[in-house]
Amino acid sequence: MQFHLKRATENLENESGYQKLPPNAKAAVDSFAFNVGPNFIYDEDGFGTINRAIRASDPQAIAEALPLYNNNETAGLVRRRAAEAELAVTPAMDSINSTLANDLTRQFGTPAVRDGSPVKWGGTDYGWQSPESFNSIDPPSVSSKAKRKAGLFGLLF
């Protein structure tokens, strides 16, 4: 299995956007590559939408692109692409320390594990909080000045 997965993803390794993806987005792209073959990254006519998303290192765009490649609504591929799309935007978790993966993409209140204990993301102002201390902080509010727009994964622009 590892041989075939490595063969399917070896062409992606040279893409800087792929290298910058969070772990679960990378796993979703790996699953896609395993299914469609290793050369899709060079096929702009057939795979341009997902290739642009990968090169931009954009998990949300990858999730939006994946359902496009379902072989005319083949039921099994529809389910597979939906699962890959969900995986692409799911923060990676680890039972011992999941606070390092996707810190910049976590939404306020996202649960994680730090040194084996549960924590919640308090945003850039508060960082990781125990569940007890998390309940005492105020959630971030969207600034009324300049009407910033919530973009990819809740980051404000």
N, C-alpha and C. Protein backbone atom coordinates (compact mmCIF):
# COMPACT_ATOMS: atom_id res chain seq x y z
N MET A 1 0.83 -1.19 0.00
CA MET A 1 0.00 0.00 0.00
C MET A 1 0.88 1.26 0.00
N GLN A 2 1.91 1.28 0.88
CA GLN A 2 2.79 2.44 0.96
C GLN A 2 3.48 2.71 -0.38
N PHE A 3 3.88 1.66 -1.07
CA PHE A 3 4.51 1.81 -2.38
C PHE A 3 3.57 2.51 -3.35
N HIS A 4 2.32 2.06 -3.39
CA HIS A 4 1.35 2.64 -4.33
C HIS A 4 0.97 4.07 -3.94
N LEU A 5 0.87 4.33 -2.67
CA LEU A 5 0.56 5.69 -2.22
C LEU A 5 1.72 6.63 -2.55
N LYS A 6 2.94 6.19 -2.31
CA LYS A 6 4.11 7.02 -2.63
C LYS A 6 4.17 7.30 -4.14
N ARG A 7 3.89 6.29 -4.93
CA ARG A 7 3.88 6.46 -6.39
C ARG A 7 2.82 7.46 -6.82
N ALA A 8 1.66 7.43 -6.17
CA ALA A 8 0.56 8.33 -6.53
C ALA A 8 0.83 9.76 -6.12
N THR A 9 1.62 9.96 -5.07
CA THR A 9 1.83 11.32 -4.56
C THR A 9 3.20 11.90 -4.85
N GLU A 10 4.10 11.15 -5.48
CA GLU A 10 5.46 11.63 -5.67
C GLU A 10 5.53 12.91 -6.50
N ASN A 11 4.64 13.10 -7.46
CA ASN A 11 4.66 14.32 -8.26
C ASN A 11 4.19 15.54 -7.47
N LEU A 12 3.42 15.31 -6.42
CA LEU A 12 2.94 16.41 -5.58
C LEU A 12 4.05 16.96 -4.70
N GLU A 13 5.01 16.14 -4.36
CA GLU A 13 6.06 16.53 -3.42
C GLU A 13 6.82 17.78 -3.88
N ASN A 14 6.87 18.03 -5.19
CA ASN A 14 7.59 19.18 -5.71
C ASN A 14 6.76 20.46 -5.71
N GLU A 15 5.50 20.37 -5.37
CA GLU A 15 4.60 21.53 -5.36
C GLU A 15 4.68 22.22 -4.00
N SER A 16 5.15 23.47 -3.98
CA SER A 16 5.30 24.16 -2.69
C SER A 16 3.94 24.35 -2.00
N GLY A 17 2.88 24.55 -2.76
CA GLY A 17 1.55 24.69 -2.16
C GLY A 17 1.13 23.42 -1.45
N TYR A 18 1.43 22.29 -2.01
CA TYR A 18 1.12 21.00 -1.39
C TYR A 18 1.91 20.85 -0.08
N GLN A 19 3.17 21.22 -0.11
CA GLN A 19 4.02 21.10 1.08
C GLN A 19 3.52 21.95 2.24
N LYS A 20 2.85 23.07 1.94
CA LYS A 20 2.37 23.99 2.97
C LYS A 20 0.99 23.62 3.51
N LEU A 21 0.34 22.63 2.91
CA LEU A 21 -1.02 22.27 3.35
C LEU A 21 -1.01 21.69 4.76
N PRO A 22 -2.08 21.93 5.52
CA PRO A 22 -2.23 21.26 6.81
C PRO A 22 -2.32 19.75 6.61
N PRO A 23 -2.04 18.96 7.62
CA PRO A 23 -1.99 17.50 7.47
C PRO A 23 -3.25 16.88 6.86
N ASN A 24 -4.42 17.27 7.28
CA ASN A 24 -5.63 16.64 6.76
C ASN A 24 -5.93 17.06 5.32
N ALA A 25 -5.61 18.28 4.96
CA ALA A 25 -5.79 18.71 3.57
C ALA A 25 -4.84 17.92 2.67
N LYS A 26 -3.62 17.72 3.16
CA LYS A 26 -2.65 16.92 2.41
C LYS A 26 -3.14 15.48 2.25
N ALA A 27 -3.72 14.92 3.30
CA ALA A 27 -4.25 13.55 3.24
C ALA A 27 -5.40 13.46 2.24
N ALA A 28 -6.24 14.49 2.17
CA ALA A 28 -7.35 14.49 1.21
C ALA A 28 -6.81 14.52 -0.22
N VAL A 29 -5.78 15.33 -0.45
CA VAL A 29 -5.17 15.39 -1.78
C VAL A 29 -4.48 14.06 -2.10
N ASP A 30 -3.86 13.44 -1.11
CA ASP A 30 -3.23 12.14 -1.31
C ASP A 30 -4.26 11.10 -1.74
N SER A 31 -5.41 11.10 -1.08
CA SER A 31 -6.48 10.17 -1.44
C SER A 31 -6.94 10.40 -2.87
N PHE A 32 -7.09 11.66 -3.23
CA PHE A 32 -7.49 12.01 -4.59
C PHE A 32 -6.45 11.52 -5.58
N ALA A 33 -5.17 11.77 -5.31
CA ALA A 33 -4.08 11.36 -6.20
C ALA A 33 -4.04 9.84 -6.33
N PHE A 34 -4.26 9.14 -5.23
CA PHE A 34 -4.27 7.68 -5.26
C PHE A 34 -5.37 7.18 -6.18
N ASN A 35 -6.49 7.90 -6.21
CA ASN A 35 -7.63 7.50 -7.01
C ASN A 35 -7.49 7.86 -8.49
N VAL A 36 -6.96 9.05 -8.78
CA VAL A 36 -6.91 9.50 -10.18
C VAL A 36 -5.57 9.26 -10.86
N GLY A 37 -4.53 9.04 -10.08
CA GLY A 37 -3.22 8.78 -10.67
C GLY A 37 -2.26 9.92 -10.44
N PRO A 38 -0.95 9.63 -10.55
CA PRO A 38 0.08 10.58 -10.16
C PRO A 38 0.27 11.78 -11.08
N ASN A 39 -0.23 11.72 -12.29
CA ASN A 39 0.05 12.80 -13.24
C ASN A 39 -1.03 13.87 -13.32
N PHE A 40 -2.05 13.79 -12.48
CA PHE A 40 -3.12 14.79 -12.56
C PHE A 40 -2.60 16.20 -12.34
N ILE A 41 -1.56 16.35 -11.54
CA ILE A 41 -1.03 17.67 -11.21
C ILE A 41 -0.47 18.39 -12.44
N TYR A 42 -0.18 17.64 -13.50
CA TYR A 42 0.34 18.25 -14.73
C TYR A 42 -0.75 18.49 -15.76
N ASP A 43 -1.97 18.05 -15.49
CA ASP A 43 -3.08 18.15 -16.45
C ASP A 43 -3.97 19.34 -16.10
N GLU A 44 -3.63 20.51 -16.65
CA GLU A 44 -4.40 21.72 -16.37
C GLU A 44 -5.77 21.70 -17.04
N ASP A 45 -5.92 21.02 -18.16
CA ASP A 45 -7.22 20.96 -18.83
C ASP A 45 -8.22 20.14 -18.03
N GLY A 46 -7.82 19.01 -17.54
CA GLY A 46 -8.74 18.13 -16.83
C GLY A 46 -8.82 18.38 -15.33
N PHE A 47 -7.75 18.94 -14.74
CA PHE A 47 -7.69 19.08 -13.29
C PHE A 47 -7.26 20.48 -12.85
N GLY A 48 -7.51 21.47 -13.67
CA GLY A 48 -7.06 22.83 -13.38
C GLY A 48 -7.60 23.40 -12.09
N THR A 49 -8.86 23.14 -11.77
CA THR A 49 -9.46 23.73 -10.57
C THR A 49 -8.77 23.23 -9.30
N ILE A 50 -8.60 21.94 -9.19
CA ILE A 50 -7.96 21.41 -7.98
C ILE A 50 -6.46 21.72 -7.98
N ASN A 51 -5.84 21.73 -9.15
CA ASN A 51 -4.42 22.07 -9.21
C ASN A 51 -4.16 23.49 -8.71
N ARG A 52 -5.01 24.43 -9.11
CA ARG A 52 -4.86 25.81 -8.64
C ARG A 52 -5.03 25.89 -7.12
N ALA A 53 -5.99 25.13 -6.60
CA ALA A 53 -6.23 25.12 -5.15
C ALA A 53 -5.03 24.54 -4.40
N ILE A 54 -4.45 23.49 -4.93
CA ILE A 54 -3.27 22.88 -4.30
C ILE A 54 -2.10 23.85 -4.34
N ARG A 55 -1.87 24.45 -5.50
CA ARG A 55 -0.74 25.38 -5.64
C ARG A 55 -0.90 26.61 -4.76
N ALA A 56 -2.16 26.98 -4.47
CA ALA A 56 -2.43 28.11 -3.58
C ALA A 56 -2.39 27.70 -2.11
N SER A 57 -2.23 26.41 -1.85
CA SER A 57 -2.23 25.87 -0.49
C SER A 57 -3.50 26.28 0.25
N ASP A 58 -4.64 26.08 -0.43
CA ASP A 58 -5.94 26.56 0.07
C ASP A 58 -6.87 25.38 0.35
N PRO A 59 -6.93 24.92 1.61
CA PRO A 59 -7.78 23.76 1.93
C PRO A 59 -9.25 23.96 1.57
N GLN A 60 -9.78 25.16 1.77
CA GLN A 60 -11.19 25.40 1.45
C GLN A 60 -11.42 25.27 -0.06
N ALA A 61 -10.53 25.81 -0.86
CA ALA A 61 -10.66 25.69 -2.32
C ALA A 61 -10.51 24.23 -2.76
N ILE A 62 -9.65 23.49 -2.08
CA ILE A 62 -9.50 22.06 -2.38
C ILE A 62 -10.82 21.35 -2.09
N ALA A 63 -11.41 21.65 -0.93
CA ALA A 63 -12.68 21.03 -0.55
C ALA A 63 -13.78 21.37 -1.55
N GLU A 64 -13.77 22.57 -2.08
CA GLU A 64 -14.78 22.98 -3.06
C GLU A 64 -14.52 22.35 -4.42
N ALA A 65 -13.26 22.08 -4.74
CA ALA A 65 -12.91 21.50 -6.04
C ALA A 65 -13.14 20.00 -6.10
N LEU A 66 -12.90 19.30 -5.02
CA LEU A 66 -12.97 17.84 -5.03
C LEU A 66 -14.28 17.28 -5.59
N PRO A 67 -15.45 17.80 -5.22
CA PRO A 67 -16.69 17.23 -5.75
C PRO A 67 -16.85 17.36 -7.27
N LEU A 68 -16.05 18.21 -7.90
CA LEU A 68 -16.13 18.36 -9.35
C LEU A 68 -15.64 17.11 -10.09
N TYR A 69 -14.85 16.30 -9.41
CA TYR A 69 -14.20 15.15 -10.04
C TYR A 69 -14.88 13.85 -9.59
N ASN A 70 -16.13 13.67 -10.01
CA ASN A 70 -16.91 12.52 -9.55
C ASN A 70 -17.38 11.61 -10.68
N ASN A 71 -16.77 11.73 -11.87
CA ASN A 71 -17.08 10.84 -12.99
C ASN A 71 -18.57 10.79 -13.29
N ASN A 72 -19.13 11.96 -13.55
CA ASN A 72 -20.56 12.08 -13.91
C ASN A 72 -21.48 11.56 -12.81
N GLU A 73 -21.19 11.97 -11.58
CA GLU A 73 -22.08 11.64 -10.44
C GLU A 73 -22.10 10.15 -10.09
N THR A 74 -21.02 9.43 -10.34
CA THR A 74 -20.94 8.04 -9.92
C THR A 74 -21.08 8.01 -8.40
N ALA A 75 -22.03 7.22 -7.90
CA ALA A 75 -22.38 7.25 -6.48
C ALA A 75 -21.18 7.06 -5.55
N GLY A 76 -20.34 6.09 -5.85
CA GLY A 76 -19.18 5.84 -5.00
C GLY A 76 -18.21 7.01 -5.00
N LEU A 77 -18.01 7.63 -6.15
CA LEU A 77 -17.10 8.78 -6.22
C LEU A 77 -17.70 10.02 -5.57
N VAL A 78 -19.00 10.16 -5.65
CA VAL A 78 -19.65 11.28 -4.96
C VAL A 78 -19.38 11.18 -3.46
N ARG A 79 -19.54 9.97 -2.90
CA ARG A 79 -19.28 9.76 -1.47
C ARG A 79 -17.80 9.96 -1.14
N ARG A 80 -16.93 9.42 -2.00
CA ARG A 80 -15.50 9.55 -1.75
C ARG A 80 -15.07 11.01 -1.77
N ARG A 81 -15.50 11.75 -2.78
CA ARG A 81 -15.12 13.16 -2.88
C ARG A 81 -15.69 13.97 -1.72
N ALA A 82 -16.90 13.65 -1.28
CA ALA A 82 -17.48 14.35 -0.13
C ALA A 82 -16.64 14.09 1.12
N ALA A 83 -16.20 12.85 1.31
CA ALA A 83 -15.37 12.52 2.47
C ALA A 83 -14.01 13.21 2.37
N GLU A 84 -13.43 13.24 1.18
CA GLU A 84 -12.14 13.92 0.99
C GLU A 84 -12.30 15.42 1.25
N ALA A 85 -13.40 16.01 0.77
CA ALA A 85 -13.64 17.44 0.97
C ALA A 85 -13.78 17.77 2.45
N GLU A 86 -14.51 16.93 3.18
CA GLU A 86 -14.66 17.14 4.62
C GLU A 86 -13.32 17.03 5.33
N LEU A 87 -12.53 16.04 4.94
CA LEU A 87 -11.21 15.85 5.53
C LEU A 87 -10.31 17.05 5.27
N ALA A 88 -10.39 17.62 4.07
CA ALA A 88 -9.51 18.73 3.69
C ALA A 88 -9.63 19.93 4.62
N VAL A 89 -10.80 20.15 5.18
CA VAL A 89 -11.02 21.33 6.03
C VAL A 89 -11.14 20.99 7.52
N THR A 90 -10.86 19.74 7.89
CA THR A 90 -10.92 19.32 9.28
C THR A 90 -9.55 19.50 9.92
N PRO A 91 -9.47 20.25 11.04
CA PRO A 91 -8.17 20.40 11.70
C PRO A 91 -7.65 19.04 12.16
N ALA A 92 -6.35 18.84 12.03
CA ALA A 92 -5.73 17.58 12.44
C ALA A 92 -5.70 17.51 13.96
N MET A 93 -5.98 16.34 14.49
CA MET A 93 -5.98 16.14 15.93
C MET A 93 -5.05 14.99 16.30
N ASP A 94 -4.50 15.07 17.47
CA ASP A 94 -3.63 14.04 18.00
C ASP A 94 -4.04 13.85 19.46
N SER A 95 -4.04 12.63 19.93
CA SER A 95 -4.53 12.37 21.29
C SER A 95 -3.61 12.91 22.38
N ILE A 96 -2.37 13.18 22.07
CA ILE A 96 -1.43 13.70 23.07
C ILE A 96 -1.25 15.20 22.94
N ASN A 97 -0.98 15.69 21.73
CA ASN A 97 -0.77 17.12 21.54
C ASN A 97 -1.23 17.53 20.15
N SER A 98 -2.42 18.05 20.06
CA SER A 98 -2.97 18.47 18.77
C SER A 98 -2.94 19.97 18.60
N THR A 99 -2.28 20.68 19.49
CA THR A 99 -2.32 22.14 19.44
C THR A 99 -1.40 22.73 18.38
N LEU A 100 -0.46 21.97 17.87
CA LEU A 100 0.47 22.51 16.88
C LEU A 100 -0.09 22.49 15.48
N ALA A 101 -0.93 21.51 15.16
CA ALA A 101 -1.47 21.38 13.82
C ALA A 101 -2.58 22.41 13.59
N ASN A 102 -2.45 23.18 12.56
CA ASN A 102 -3.49 24.11 12.11
C ASN A 102 -3.80 25.24 13.08
N ASP A 103 -2.87 25.66 13.91
CA ASP A 103 -3.18 26.74 14.84
C ASP A 103 -3.74 27.97 14.14
N LEU A 104 -3.22 28.30 12.98
CA LEU A 104 -3.67 29.51 12.30
C LEU A 104 -5.05 29.36 11.67
N THR A 105 -5.52 28.14 11.53
CA THR A 105 -6.81 27.95 10.87
C THR A 105 -7.92 27.58 11.83
N ARG A 106 -7.62 27.42 13.10
CA ARG A 106 -8.65 27.02 14.06
C ARG A 106 -9.61 28.17 14.32
N GLN A 107 -10.86 27.82 14.51
CA GLN A 107 -11.86 28.80 14.90
C GLN A 107 -11.90 28.89 16.42
N PHE A 108 -12.33 30.01 16.93
CA PHE A 108 -12.46 30.22 18.36
C PHE A 108 -13.29 29.09 18.97
N GLY A 109 -12.79 28.48 20.03
CA GLY A 109 -13.51 27.40 20.71
C GLY A 109 -13.21 26.00 20.21
N THR A 110 -12.34 25.87 19.21
CA THR A 110 -12.01 24.55 18.68
C THR A 110 -11.33 23.73 19.77
N PRO A 111 -11.83 22.52 20.03
CA PRO A 111 -11.19 21.68 21.06
C PRO A 111 -9.92 21.03 20.52
N ALA A 112 -9.00 20.77 21.42
CA ALA A 112 -7.75 20.10 21.08
C ALA A 112 -7.23 19.41 22.33
N VAL A 113 -6.04 18.85 22.23
CA VAL A 113 -5.39 18.19 23.36
C VAL A 113 -3.99 18.77 23.48
N ARG A 114 -3.61 19.15 24.70
CA ARG A 114 -2.26 19.68 24.95
C ARG A 114 -1.68 18.93 26.13
N ASP A 115 -0.56 18.27 25.90
CA ASP A 115 0.09 17.46 26.93
C ASP A 115 -0.89 16.48 27.57
N GLY A 116 -1.77 15.92 26.76
CA GLY A 116 -2.72 14.93 27.21
C GLY A 116 -3.98 15.48 27.88
N SER A 117 -4.09 16.80 28.01
CA SER A 117 -5.26 17.41 28.65
C SER A 117 -6.09 18.19 27.64
N PRO A 118 -7.41 18.22 27.80
CA PRO A 118 -8.25 18.96 26.85
C PRO A 118 -8.04 20.47 26.99
N VAL A 119 -8.03 21.14 25.84
CA VAL A 119 -7.93 22.60 25.79
C VAL A 119 -8.86 23.11 24.70
N LYS A 120 -9.10 24.41 24.70
CA LYS A 120 -9.88 25.06 23.64
C LYS A 120 -9.12 26.27 23.15
N TRP A 121 -9.26 26.54 21.85
CA TRP A 121 -8.55 27.66 21.24
C TRP A 121 -9.28 28.96 21.58
N GLY A 122 -8.58 29.86 22.25
CA GLY A 122 -9.14 31.15 22.63
C GLY A 122 -8.81 32.25 21.65
N GLY A 123 -8.34 31.88 20.48
CA GLY A 123 -7.98 32.88 19.47
C GLY A 123 -6.58 33.42 19.71
N THR A 124 -6.17 34.32 18.85
CA THR A 124 -4.81 34.85 18.96
C THR A 124 -4.62 35.69 20.22
N ASP A 125 -5.71 36.22 20.78
CA ASP A 125 -5.59 37.01 22.01
C ASP A 125 -5.32 36.16 23.24
N TYR A 126 -5.91 34.95 23.31
CA TYR A 126 -5.84 34.13 24.51
C TYR A 126 -5.08 32.82 24.33
N GLY A 127 -4.92 32.35 23.09
CA GLY A 127 -4.23 31.09 22.86
C GLY A 127 -5.01 29.91 23.40
N TRP A 128 -4.29 28.86 23.81
CA TRP A 128 -4.92 27.64 24.31
C TRP A 128 -5.32 27.82 25.75
N GLN A 129 -6.57 27.45 26.06
CA GLN A 129 -7.13 27.61 27.39
C GLN A 129 -7.69 26.28 27.89
N SER A 130 -7.63 26.07 29.19
CA SER A 130 -8.32 24.91 29.76
C SER A 130 -9.82 25.16 29.58
N PRO A 131 -10.63 24.11 29.60
CA PRO A 131 -12.08 24.32 29.45
C PRO A 131 -12.63 25.30 30.49
N GLU A 132 -12.10 25.25 31.70
CA GLU A 132 -12.58 26.16 32.75
C GLU A 132 -12.23 27.61 32.44
N SER A 133 -10.99 27.87 32.09
CA SER A 133 -10.60 29.26 31.81
C SER A 133 -11.19 29.74 30.49
N PHE A 134 -11.41 28.83 29.55
CA PHE A 134 -12.02 29.23 28.28
C PHE A 134 -13.39 29.84 28.52
N ASN A 135 -14.15 29.29 29.46
CA ASN A 135 -15.49 29.79 29.74
C ASN A 135 -15.49 31.19 30.31
N SER A 136 -14.33 31.69 30.74
CA SER A 136 -14.28 33.03 31.33
C SER A 136 -13.82 34.11 30.35
N ILE A 137 -13.50 33.73 29.13
CA ILE A 137 -13.04 34.74 28.17
C ILE A 137 -14.15 35.09 27.18
N ASP A 138 -14.06 36.28 26.63
CA ASP A 138 -15.04 36.74 25.66
C ASP A 138 -14.63 36.33 24.26
N PRO A 139 -15.58 35.85 23.45
CA PRO A 139 -15.24 35.53 22.06
C PRO A 139 -14.88 36.79 21.30
N PRO A 140 -14.05 36.65 20.27
CA PRO A 140 -13.68 37.83 19.48
C PRO A 140 -14.90 38.35 18.75
N SER A 141 -14.94 39.66 18.58
CA SER A 141 -16.05 40.25 17.82
C SER A 141 -15.49 40.81 16.53
N VAL A 142 -16.32 40.81 15.51
CA VAL A 142 -15.92 41.36 14.23
C VAL A 142 -15.94 42.87 14.35
N SER A 143 -14.86 43.49 14.00
CA SER A 143 -14.74 44.94 14.09
C SER A 143 -15.76 45.62 13.20
N SER A 144 -16.42 46.64 13.74
CA SER A 144 -17.39 47.37 12.92
C SER A 144 -16.69 48.32 11.97
N LYS A 145 -15.49 48.76 12.35
CA LYS A 145 -14.79 49.65 11.43
C LYS A 145 -14.21 48.85 10.27
N ALA A 146 -14.39 49.33 9.11
CA ALA A 146 -13.91 48.74 7.86
C ALA A 146 -14.64 47.45 7.52
N LYS A 147 -15.58 47.01 8.36
CA LYS A 147 -16.38 45.81 8.08
C LYS A 147 -15.52 44.69 7.52
N ARG A 148 -14.62 44.22 8.33
CA ARG A 148 -13.75 43.13 7.89
C ARG A 148 -14.59 41.91 7.55
N LYS A 149 -14.09 41.14 6.62
CA LYS A 149 -14.81 39.97 6.13
C LYS A 149 -14.16 38.71 6.67
N ALA A 150 -14.99 37.80 7.21
CA ALA A 150 -14.49 36.52 7.67
C ALA A 150 -14.23 35.66 6.44
N GLY A 151 -12.99 35.24 6.27
CA GLY A 151 -12.63 34.45 5.10
C GLY A 151 -12.33 33.01 5.48
N LEU A 152 -11.39 32.45 4.80
CA LEU A 152 -11.00 31.05 4.96
C LEU A 152 -10.77 30.72 6.43
N PHE A 153 -11.53 29.73 6.94
CA PHE A 153 -11.40 29.21 8.30
C PHE A 153 -11.60 30.28 9.36
N GLY A 154 -12.39 31.31 9.06
CA GLY A 154 -12.71 32.31 10.06
C GLY A 154 -11.65 33.38 10.24
N LEU A 155 -10.55 33.35 9.47
CA LEU A 155 -9.56 34.41 9.57
C LEU A 155 -10.18 35.70 9.05
N LEU A 156 -9.87 36.81 9.69
CA LEU A 156 -10.48 38.07 9.29
C LEU A 156 -9.60 38.81 8.29
N PHE A 157 -10.26 39.34 7.28
CA PHE A 157 -9.54 40.10 6.24
C PHE A 157 -10.15 41.48 6.13
